[in-house]
Protein backbone atom coordinates (compact mmCIF):
# COMPACT_ATOMS: atom_id res chain seq x y z
CA UNK A 1 -3.57 -58.34 154.96
CA UNK A 2 -5.63 -56.54 152.32
CA UNK A 3 -3.71 -54.13 150.18
CA UNK A 4 -5.93 -51.10 150.85
CA UNK A 5 -6.77 -48.36 148.40
CA UNK A 6 -3.45 -46.92 147.28
CA UNK A 7 -2.91 -43.51 145.74
CA UNK A 8 -0.57 -44.35 142.88
CA UNK A 9 2.06 -41.73 142.27
CA UNK A 10 1.30 -39.73 145.42
CA UNK A 11 4.39 -40.11 147.59
CA UNK A 12 3.56 -40.07 151.28
CA UNK A 13 -0.19 -40.08 150.66
CA UNK A 14 -2.19 -42.01 153.27
CA UNK A 15 -3.60 -45.44 152.54
CA UNK A 16 -7.31 -46.00 153.01
CA UNK A 17 -9.29 -49.21 153.51
CA UNK A 18 -12.86 -49.90 152.49
CA UNK A 19 -15.27 -51.15 155.15
CA UNK A 20 -15.01 -54.63 153.62
CA UNK A 21 -11.22 -54.57 153.98
CA UNK A 22 -11.49 -53.47 157.61
CA UNK A 23 -13.90 -56.33 158.32
CA UNK A 24 -11.33 -58.78 156.94
CA UNK A 25 -8.50 -57.29 159.02
CA UNK A 26 -10.48 -57.18 162.28
CA UNK A 27 -12.55 -60.30 161.53
CA UNK A 28 -15.80 -58.59 162.44
CA UNK A 29 -19.01 -57.91 160.55
CA UNK A 30 -19.64 -54.88 158.34
CA UNK A 31 -22.26 -53.72 160.81
CA UNK A 32 -19.65 -53.72 163.60
CA UNK A 33 -17.34 -51.51 161.53
CA UNK A 34 -20.20 -49.14 160.68
CA UNK A 35 -21.11 -48.92 164.40
CA UNK A 36 -17.47 -48.16 165.26
CA UNK A 37 -17.36 -45.40 162.63
CA UNK A 38 -20.69 -43.83 163.64
CA UNK A 39 -19.83 -43.92 167.36
CA UNK A 40 -16.45 -42.28 166.73
CA UNK A 41 -14.55 -45.33 167.97
CA UNK A 42 -12.82 -45.51 164.57
CA UNK A 43 -11.99 -42.53 162.38
CA UNK A 44 -13.28 -42.62 158.81
CA UNK A 45 -14.14 -40.25 156.03
CA UNK A 46 -17.27 -40.42 153.95
CA UNK A 47 -16.91 -40.41 150.19
CA UNK A 48 -20.35 -40.18 148.68
CA UNK A 49 -22.32 -42.93 150.37
CA UNK A 50 -19.28 -45.05 151.32
CA UNK A 51 -16.69 -44.79 154.04
CA UNK A 52 -12.91 -44.98 153.82
CA UNK A 53 -10.90 -45.82 156.91
CA UNK A 54 -7.28 -44.64 157.12
CA UNK A 55 -4.78 -47.45 157.57
CA UNK A 56 -3.37 -45.59 160.57
CA UNK A 57 -6.80 -45.63 162.28
CA UNK A 58 -6.95 -49.42 161.96
CA UNK A 59 -3.38 -49.78 163.24
CA UNK A 60 -4.09 -47.49 166.22
CA UNK A 61 -7.30 -49.38 167.04
CA UNK A 62 -5.43 -52.68 167.02
CA UNK A 63 -2.55 -51.28 169.09
CA UNK A 64 -4.96 -49.90 171.69
CA UNK A 65 -6.72 -53.25 171.93
CA UNK A 66 -3.50 -55.21 172.33
CA UNK A 67 -2.34 -53.28 175.38
CA UNK A 68 0.80 -54.94 176.78
CA UNK A 69 0.46 -57.83 174.34
CA UNK A 70 1.76 -55.57 171.60
CA UNK A 71 5.26 -55.62 173.14
CA UNK A 72 6.98 -58.78 171.93
CA UNK A 73 10.29 -57.97 173.68
CA UNK A 74 9.17 -59.11 177.11
CA UNK A 75 8.30 -62.63 178.14
CA UNK A 76 4.72 -63.11 179.28
CA UNK A 77 4.32 -65.10 182.47
CA UNK A 78 1.21 -66.34 184.20
CA UNK A 79 0.28 -65.18 187.66
């Protein structure tokens, strides 16, 4: 997983990803990430002309998309 943009020396400071890093994590195009940001589907902050996506926003997006698959404790059976 990409390392993200870290705030060195700032304990507890949030980690932010660039759009390119989010595309690598989600395996989607840059345009898809920009659409998600502009539609409000993914939280991001604009810094100048670029966007930074909080690591937590990416994690929450993935968790929401996994649904019950995100729980590895239970065995998955077919119907």
